[in-house]
Amino acid sequence: MAPWLTVVGIGEEGFKGLGKTARHALLGATQVFGGQRQLDLLPACIGAKRILWPSPFSLKPVLEQRGTPICVLASGDPMLFGVGASLARQVDTEEMRVLPSPSSYSLAAARLGWPLQDVVTLSVVARPLAALNAQVHNGLRLLVLSNDGSSPAAIAELLRARGYGPSYMTVLEHLGGDAERRVDGIAAEWTDQPIAALNLVAIECRADANAPRLSLLAGLPDSAFEHDGQLTKRDVRAITLARLAPAPGELLWDVGAGCGSIGIEWMRAHPSCRTLAIEADESRQLLIEHNRDALGVPGLQLIRGRAPDALLNLETPDAIFIGGGVTRPGVLDACWQQLRSGGRLVANAVTLQSEATLVVWRELNGGELTRLHVAQAKPLGEFDTWRQALPITLLEAIKP
């Protein structure tokens, strides 16, 4: 099918900044969809009916016009945090063409002299601000698309709370347009000054002396998590995640999630990693919600229930971690049954009963058992001695 849908990226300079192909597409369209700001950029010579996106936002009005020459307006590059990416998931590539303009990221990098390939690009447009927590690292440069004029002040507050008050911030308003403006400052001194709704925040992350060091590698300090004592401790957590082996785009089930430490660190391994955390205890559910935001993975999905019943009809996982409930009848078998072929199952046991359950299950299904002993030096009078933590039995199995 010939393309009936054209997605046009339009910048602040409007119609005059578009290329010949984009102009012809708009002149030949019967309908043009977009936000009010984009539609207002069109000149009177565009005879197509101008249709504002519905609220709440929906692609349905466009999809209902399949086969009719239609244009959709987007800001800058439609495939970069834009409506083009949403449409591409529902419209075949043969039916749609995308005509991008320079993105706000490209314009910001040009203004600041930052090599774009060395910058982390993020968006808080209709997205949780907490996602920034996973990306704030000393020396890193961030370009953040703001949701509105209040976003820069909220970002400055987040940086201060993380111990990154010395970070340098630049707000760029109306990039590429006649009203373009730049505001510079330090996060620690940022005030809630008037900022245009259309803005981008550039950040040079600078940590103060007391900022916690939160690596993206497995094994965050135990102090990074709020917990009630049910926490997979740092060294065991690092070994467990190494066995789970997160890869981009993969889904983890964190069964009996406790405070959510395993699932959270799984998601911190790569922005496209996902977690379903299954937890029945209400107080621990609150801990999971707090920790996922504080550590920058607000997309972690909490399943409120107890395995194995809560596992029904969930998306097939690439890996499963069982941190609690190993001895509960049916949990191991239900997890193994729903794991995809080639997926990894890792279960940890502390008690004799849970260890015995893993031993019996391994005899029937295969896998490897590992005993972990961790000791830390602790004071003993005027000297030090080794204090042994409870040993952990770890089962690792790969489904054929």
Protein backbone atom coordinates (compact mmCIF):
# COMPACT_ATOMS: atom_id res chain seq x y z
CA MET A 1 0.00 0.00 0.00
CA ALA A 2 1.26 3.47 -0.86
CA PRO A 3 1.83 5.72 2.17
CA TRP A 4 -1.38 7.46 3.20
CA LEU A 5 0.06 8.83 6.46
CA THR A 6 2.85 11.42 6.58
CA VAL A 7 4.35 12.42 9.91
CA VAL A 8 6.01 15.82 9.64
CA GLY A 9 8.48 17.08 12.19
CA ILE A 10 8.11 20.82 12.50
CA GLY A 11 10.37 23.17 14.45
CA GLU A 12 9.84 26.55 16.08
CA GLU A 13 10.50 28.34 12.79
CA GLY A 14 7.36 26.74 11.40
CA PHE A 15 6.35 26.10 7.78
CA LYS A 16 9.23 28.12 6.34
CA GLY A 17 11.72 25.73 7.94
CA LEU A 18 10.26 22.63 6.27
CA GLY A 19 11.70 20.94 3.22
CA LYS A 20 9.95 20.68 -0.14
CA THR A 21 8.62 17.15 0.47
CA ALA A 22 7.09 18.08 3.83
CA ARG A 23 5.44 21.19 2.38
CA HIS A 24 3.91 19.23 -0.50
CA ALA A 25 2.60 16.61 1.92
CA LEU A 26 0.84 19.26 4.00
CA LEU A 27 -0.56 21.00 0.92
CA GLY A 28 -1.96 17.69 -0.35
CA ALA A 29 -3.42 16.42 2.91
CA THR A 30 -7.15 16.38 3.61
CA GLN A 31 -6.63 16.45 7.38
CA VAL A 32 -3.75 17.53 9.63
CA PHE A 33 -3.55 16.27 13.22
CA GLY A 34 -1.38 17.86 15.89
CA GLY A 35 -1.12 19.76 19.11
CA GLN A 36 -2.32 23.34 19.26
CA ARG A 37 1.20 24.73 19.13
CA GLN A 38 2.10 22.77 15.98
CA LEU A 39 -1.19 23.56 14.23
CA ASP A 40 -0.73 27.27 14.93
CA LEU A 41 2.55 27.17 12.99
CA LEU A 42 0.76 26.35 9.73
CA PRO A 43 0.04 29.19 7.26
CA ALA A 44 -3.37 29.95 5.76
CA CYS A 45 -2.42 28.27 2.47
CA ILE A 46 -2.80 24.85 4.09
CA GLY A 47 -6.39 23.98 3.23
CA ALA A 48 -6.58 20.70 5.13
CA LYS A 49 -8.90 20.39 8.12
CA ARG A 50 -6.90 20.97 11.30
CA ILE A 51 -7.71 18.50 14.06
CA LEU A 52 -6.46 18.85 17.62
CA TRP A 53 -5.39 15.69 19.45
CA PRO A 54 -8.13 14.43 21.80
CA SER A 55 -7.73 14.60 25.56
CA PRO A 56 -6.85 12.10 26.89
CA PHE A 57 -4.46 11.52 24.01
CA SER A 58 -5.41 8.82 21.52
CA LEU A 59 -4.29 7.74 18.05
CA LYS A 60 -7.74 6.38 17.25
CA PRO A 61 -8.89 9.39 15.16
CA VAL A 62 -5.88 8.93 12.85
CA LEU A 63 -6.17 5.17 12.59
CA GLU A 64 -9.86 5.47 11.68
CA GLN A 65 -8.85 7.44 8.55
CA ARG A 66 -6.62 4.68 7.13
CA GLY A 67 -6.28 5.13 3.35
CA THR A 68 -7.05 8.88 3.37
CA PRO A 69 -4.17 11.34 2.79
CA ILE A 70 -3.40 12.56 6.31
CA CYS A 71 -0.56 14.47 7.93
CA VAL A 72 0.43 14.36 11.57
CA LEU A 73 2.53 17.19 12.99
CA ALA A 74 5.18 16.50 15.61
CA SER A 75 7.95 18.53 17.24
CA GLY A 76 11.37 18.07 15.64
CA ASP A 77 12.15 14.40 15.10
CA PRO A 78 8.87 12.41 15.41
CA MET A 79 10.74 9.15 16.07
CA LEU A 80 12.59 10.51 19.10
CA PHE A 81 10.22 10.40 22.10
CA GLY A 82 7.56 11.52 19.58
CA VAL A 83 4.21 10.52 18.13
CA GLY A 84 5.94 8.91 15.15
CA ALA A 85 7.24 6.12 17.37
CA SER A 86 3.72 5.50 18.72
CA LEU A 87 2.23 5.40 15.22
CA ALA A 88 4.96 3.07 13.95
CA ARG A 89 3.78 0.45 16.43
CA GLN A 90 0.32 0.41 14.85
CA VAL A 91 0.86 1.35 11.20
CA ASP A 92 2.92 -0.70 8.72
CA THR A 93 6.05 1.05 7.49
CA GLU A 94 4.78 0.77 3.89
CA GLU A 95 1.76 2.89 4.83
CA MET A 96 3.64 5.66 6.60
CA ARG A 97 6.50 8.03 5.87
CA VAL A 98 8.28 10.20 8.41
CA LEU A 99 9.86 13.55 7.53
CA PRO A 100 11.93 14.71 10.52
CA SER A 101 13.31 18.12 11.38
CA PRO A 102 16.27 18.64 13.72
CA SER A 103 15.36 17.43 17.20
CA SER A 104 15.59 19.59 20.29
CA TYR A 105 18.52 17.41 21.35
CA SER A 106 20.40 18.20 18.12
CA LEU A 107 19.74 21.92 18.48
CA ALA A 108 20.76 21.92 22.15
CA ALA A 109 23.97 20.00 21.44
CA ALA A 110 24.77 22.54 18.70
CA ARG A 111 24.18 25.48 21.04
CA LEU A 112 26.30 24.00 23.82
CA GLY A 113 29.06 22.46 21.71
CA TRP A 114 28.37 18.99 23.17
CA PRO A 115 29.06 15.91 20.98
CA LEU A 116 25.60 14.36 20.89
CA GLN A 117 26.93 10.78 20.87
CA ASP A 118 28.49 11.40 24.29
CA VAL A 119 25.30 12.75 25.91
CA VAL A 120 22.46 10.87 27.63
CA THR A 121 19.10 11.97 26.19
CA LEU A 122 16.02 11.71 28.40
CA SER A 123 12.43 12.91 28.47
CA VAL A 124 10.09 13.73 31.35
CA VAL A 125 7.23 14.61 29.01
CA ALA A 126 4.31 12.73 30.60
CA ARG A 127 6.94 10.47 32.21
CA PRO A 128 8.01 10.14 35.86
CA LEU A 129 10.75 12.53 36.92
CA ALA A 130 12.13 9.73 39.11
CA ALA A 131 13.60 8.06 35.98
CA LEU A 132 16.41 10.63 36.16
CA ASN A 133 17.70 9.04 39.37
CA ALA A 134 19.27 6.16 37.44
CA GLN A 135 21.13 8.53 35.10
CA VAL A 136 22.71 11.01 37.53
CA HIS A 137 26.43 10.21 37.69
CA ASN A 138 29.39 12.47 38.28
CA GLY A 139 30.78 13.92 35.05
CA LEU A 140 27.86 12.80 32.88
CA ARG A 141 26.03 15.21 30.59
CA LEU A 142 22.24 14.94 30.26
CA LEU A 143 19.76 16.54 27.87
CA VAL A 144 16.25 16.36 29.31
CA LEU A 145 13.05 17.27 27.48
CA SER A 146 10.84 19.08 30.01
CA ASN A 147 7.17 18.39 30.57
CA ASP A 148 6.44 22.09 31.21
CA GLY A 149 7.83 25.25 32.76
CA SER A 150 7.97 23.71 36.23
CA SER A 151 10.30 20.88 35.18
CA PRO A 152 13.64 22.74 35.60
CA ALA A 153 12.92 23.57 39.24
CA ALA A 154 11.79 19.99 39.91
CA ILE A 155 14.95 18.65 38.27
CA ALA A 156 17.10 20.99 40.38
CA GLU A 157 15.37 19.72 43.53
CA LEU A 158 16.02 16.10 42.49
CA LEU A 159 19.70 16.88 41.93
CA ARG A 160 20.01 18.54 45.32
CA ALA A 161 18.35 15.55 47.02
CA ARG A 162 20.81 13.17 45.32
CA GLY A 163 23.85 15.17 46.45
CA TYR A 164 24.35 16.77 43.04
CA GLY A 165 23.73 20.39 44.03
CA PRO A 166 26.93 21.59 42.29
CA SER A 167 25.58 20.40 38.91
CA TYR A 168 25.49 23.06 36.19
CA MET A 169 22.10 23.54 34.51
CA THR A 170 21.19 25.29 31.27
CA VAL A 171 17.57 25.75 30.27
CA LEU A 172 16.97 26.35 26.56
CA GLU A 173 13.54 27.74 25.66
CA HIS A 174 11.89 27.67 22.21
CA LEU A 175 14.92 26.18 20.48
CA GLY A 176 15.17 27.21 16.83
CA GLY A 177 12.56 29.96 17.08
CA ASP A 178 12.49 33.73 17.35
CA ALA A 179 11.77 33.47 21.09
CA GLU A 180 14.78 31.25 21.85
CA ARG A 181 16.28 32.02 25.28
CA ARG A 182 18.95 30.54 27.52
CA VAL A 183 18.98 30.45 31.34
CA ASP A 184 22.07 29.20 33.22
CA GLY A 185 22.58 28.32 36.86
CA ILE A 186 23.65 25.85 39.54
CA ALA A 187 21.19 23.25 40.85
CA ALA A 188 21.94 24.18 44.47
CA GLU A 189 20.99 27.81 43.78
CA TRP A 190 18.17 27.27 41.28
CA THR A 191 14.98 29.18 42.02
CA ASP A 192 11.47 28.61 40.77
CA GLN A 193 11.80 31.34 38.15
CA PRO A 194 9.40 31.74 35.21
CA ILE A 195 10.33 29.33 32.41
CA ALA A 196 8.51 28.81 29.11
CA ALA A 197 6.51 25.59 28.84
CA LEU A 198 8.55 24.50 25.82
CA ASN A 199 12.05 23.97 27.15
CA LEU A 200 14.94 21.54 27.41
CA VAL A 201 17.30 21.20 30.38
CA ALA A 202 21.00 20.49 29.85
CA ILE A 203 22.82 19.17 32.92
CA GLU A 204 26.51 18.70 33.67
CA CYS A 205 26.35 16.34 36.64
CA ARG A 206 28.68 17.25 39.50
CA ALA A 207 28.54 15.36 42.78
CA ASP A 208 29.31 16.91 46.12
CA ALA A 209 31.63 15.18 48.58
CA ASN A 210 28.83 13.31 50.37
CA ALA A 211 26.84 12.11 47.36
CA PRO A 212 26.18 8.33 47.51
CA ARG A 213 27.96 6.35 44.81
CA LEU A 214 25.30 4.28 43.04
CA SER A 215 26.95 2.23 40.32
CA LEU A 216 25.00 0.71 37.45
CA LEU A 217 26.77 -2.59 38.10
CA ALA A 218 25.11 -5.13 40.38
CA GLY A 219 25.68 -4.85 44.11
CA LEU A 220 24.44 -1.49 45.36
CA PRO A 221 25.11 -0.81 49.05
CA ASP A 222 22.40 -2.20 51.31
CA SER A 223 21.90 1.36 52.57
CA ALA A 224 20.60 2.35 49.11
CA PHE A 225 17.37 0.46 49.86
CA GLU A 226 14.63 1.03 52.41
CA HIS A 227 13.85 -2.42 53.83
CA ASP A 228 12.43 -4.28 56.82
CA GLY A 229 15.27 -6.77 57.06
CA GLN A 230 14.13 -8.94 54.15
CA LEU A 231 16.83 -7.87 51.74
CA THR A 232 19.16 -9.88 49.52
CA LYS A 233 22.44 -8.56 50.88
CA ARG A 234 24.93 -6.77 48.66
CA ASP A 235 27.46 -9.54 47.94
CA VAL A 236 24.82 -12.22 47.45
CA ARG A 237 22.78 -9.81 45.30
CA ALA A 238 25.74 -9.20 43.00
CA ILE A 239 26.32 -12.94 42.55
CA THR A 240 22.61 -13.57 42.03
CA LEU A 241 22.32 -10.90 39.33
CA ALA A 242 25.41 -12.26 37.61
CA ARG A 243 23.60 -15.62 37.33
CA LEU A 244 20.38 -13.95 36.15
CA ALA A 245 22.48 -12.17 33.47
CA PRO A 246 20.20 -9.26 32.46
CA ALA A 247 20.34 -8.30 28.77
CA PRO A 248 18.69 -5.39 26.92
CA GLY A 249 14.94 -5.75 26.48
CA GLU A 250 14.53 -8.72 28.81
CA LEU A 251 11.80 -9.24 31.41
CA LEU A 252 12.40 -10.51 34.95
CA TRP A 253 9.91 -11.93 37.42
CA ASP A 254 11.06 -11.04 40.95
CA VAL A 255 8.97 -13.49 42.99
CA GLY A 256 8.62 -12.76 46.68
CA ALA A 257 10.29 -9.46 45.94
CA GLY A 258 10.74 -8.18 49.50
CA CYS A 259 11.98 -4.60 49.07
CA GLY A 260 12.50 -5.15 45.33
CA SER A 261 16.31 -5.00 45.31
CA ILE A 262 16.88 -7.72 42.68
CA GLY A 263 14.25 -6.41 40.26
CA ILE A 264 15.45 -2.82 40.68
CA GLU A 265 19.08 -3.65 39.96
CA TRP A 266 17.97 -5.78 36.98
CA MET A 267 16.30 -2.69 35.48
CA ARG A 268 19.28 -0.44 36.23
CA ALA A 269 21.44 -2.73 34.07
CA HIS A 270 19.88 -1.30 30.89
CA PRO A 271 17.05 1.21 30.23
CA SER A 272 15.06 -1.39 28.25
CA CYS A 273 15.13 -4.08 30.98
CA ARG A 274 11.77 -4.66 32.71
CA THR A 275 10.64 -6.24 35.98
CA LEU A 276 7.42 -7.62 37.38
CA ALA A 277 7.81 -7.68 41.17
CA ILE A 278 5.41 -10.11 42.86
CA GLU A 279 4.82 -9.29 46.53
CA ALA A 280 1.84 -9.98 48.80
CA ASP A 281 2.84 -8.02 51.92
CA GLU A 282 1.39 -4.49 51.85
CA SER A 283 4.20 -2.87 53.85
CA ARG A 284 6.80 -4.36 51.50
CA GLN A 285 4.81 -3.19 48.51
CA LEU A 286 5.28 0.35 49.81
CA LEU A 287 9.01 -0.26 50.17
CA ILE A 288 9.20 -1.47 46.56
CA GLU A 289 7.38 1.64 45.32
CA HIS A 290 9.72 3.90 47.29
CA ASN A 291 12.90 2.11 46.19
CA ARG A 292 12.01 1.91 42.50
CA ASP A 293 11.54 5.70 42.35
CA ALA A 294 14.55 6.55 44.51
CA LEU A 295 16.81 4.39 42.34
CA GLY A 296 15.45 5.58 39.01
CA VAL A 297 13.29 2.73 37.70
CA PRO A 298 9.69 3.96 38.15
CA GLY A 299 8.63 1.61 35.34
CA LEU A 300 9.01 -1.44 37.59
CA GLN A 301 5.56 -3.04 37.71
CA LEU A 302 4.29 -4.24 41.09
CA ILE A 303 2.05 -7.33 41.09
CA ARG A 304 0.13 -7.36 44.37
CA GLY A 305 -0.36 -11.01 45.21
CA ARG A 306 1.24 -14.27 46.27
CA ALA A 307 2.84 -16.87 44.02
CA PRO A 308 1.84 -19.19 42.46
CA ASP A 309 -1.69 -17.73 42.10
CA ALA A 310 -0.41 -14.25 41.24
CA LEU A 311 1.65 -15.64 38.35
CA LEU A 312 -1.35 -16.53 36.20
CA ASN A 313 -1.68 -14.62 32.89
CA LEU A 314 1.54 -12.64 33.35
CA GLU A 315 3.81 -11.93 30.38
CA THR A 316 6.31 -14.73 29.73
CA PRO A 317 9.62 -13.86 31.42
CA ASP A 318 13.20 -14.22 30.22
CA ALA A 319 14.42 -14.83 33.77
CA ILE A 320 12.91 -15.51 37.18
CA PHE A 321 14.32 -14.88 40.64
CA ILE A 322 12.66 -16.50 43.64
CA GLY A 323 13.75 -14.81 46.82
CA GLY A 324 10.86 -15.83 49.04
CA GLY A 325 8.27 -18.60 49.08
CA VAL A 326 10.50 -21.38 47.74
CA THR A 327 8.83 -23.92 50.04
CA ARG A 328 5.30 -22.83 49.10
CA PRO A 329 3.66 -25.69 47.14
CA GLY A 330 3.69 -25.14 43.39
CA VAL A 331 5.88 -22.01 43.27
CA LEU A 332 8.99 -23.54 41.69
CA ASP A 333 7.00 -25.67 39.25
CA ALA A 334 4.76 -22.76 38.20
CA CYS A 335 7.76 -20.54 37.57
CA TRP A 336 9.57 -23.23 35.59
CA GLN A 337 6.49 -23.94 33.50
CA GLN A 338 5.97 -20.29 32.52
CA LEU A 339 9.64 -19.50 31.89
CA ARG A 340 10.51 -19.24 28.20
CA SER A 341 12.80 -21.75 26.54
CA GLY A 342 16.37 -20.72 27.23
CA GLY A 343 15.30 -18.60 30.19
CA ARG A 344 17.13 -18.55 33.51
CA LEU A 345 15.72 -19.45 36.92
CA VAL A 346 17.62 -18.51 40.06
CA ALA A 347 16.35 -19.26 43.57
CA ASN A 348 18.01 -18.51 46.89
CA ALA A 349 17.49 -20.52 50.09
CA VAL A 350 18.51 -19.75 53.67
CA THR A 351 16.65 -22.31 55.77
CA LEU A 352 17.17 -26.08 55.81
CA GLN A 353 13.64 -26.57 54.54
CA SER A 354 14.03 -24.25 51.56
CA GLU A 355 17.42 -25.76 50.75
CA ALA A 356 15.92 -29.26 50.82
CA THR A 357 13.21 -28.07 48.42
CA LEU A 358 15.86 -26.87 45.97
CA VAL A 359 17.79 -30.13 46.22
CA VAL A 360 14.71 -32.24 45.43
CA TRP A 361 13.63 -29.95 42.60
CA ARG A 362 17.12 -30.07 41.06
CA GLU A 363 17.10 -33.88 41.04
CA LEU A 364 13.94 -33.77 38.89
CA ASN A 365 14.72 -30.80 36.63
CA GLY A 366 18.47 -30.26 36.62
CA GLY A 367 20.48 -27.15 37.34
CA GLU A 368 23.44 -26.18 39.51
CA LEU A 369 23.62 -25.64 43.26
CA THR A 370 26.09 -23.22 44.82
CA ARG A 371 26.72 -22.56 48.51
CA LEU A 372 27.68 -18.98 49.33
CA HIS A 373 29.50 -18.02 52.54
CA VAL A 374 30.17 -14.35 53.26
CA ALA A 375 32.04 -13.08 56.32
CA GLN A 376 32.84 -9.55 57.43
CA ALA A 377 35.48 -8.32 59.82
CA LYS A 378 33.90 -7.16 63.10
CA PRO A 379 35.34 -5.94 66.42
CA LEU A 380 36.07 -8.51 69.14
CA GLY A 381 37.32 -6.68 72.20
CA GLU A 382 40.51 -4.89 71.19
CA PHE A 383 40.83 -7.02 68.04
CA ASP A 384 38.79 -8.02 65.00
CA THR A 385 37.35 -11.32 63.91
CA TRP A 386 35.26 -12.74 61.06
CA ARG A 387 31.50 -12.72 61.55
CA GLN A 388 29.78 -15.19 59.25
CA ALA A 389 26.48 -14.23 57.62
CA LEU A 390 23.93 -16.97 57.15
CA PRO A 391 25.02 -19.24 54.28
CA ILE A 392 22.98 -19.06 51.09
CA THR A 393 22.18 -21.95 48.77
CA LEU A 394 21.71 -20.76 45.21
CA LEU A 395 19.99 -22.78 42.49
CA GLU A 396 20.57 -21.83 38.87
CA ALA A 397 18.75 -23.59 36.04
CA ILE A 398 18.39 -22.86 32.32
CA LYS A 399 15.21 -24.13 30.73
CA PRO A 400 15.79 -26.35 27.69
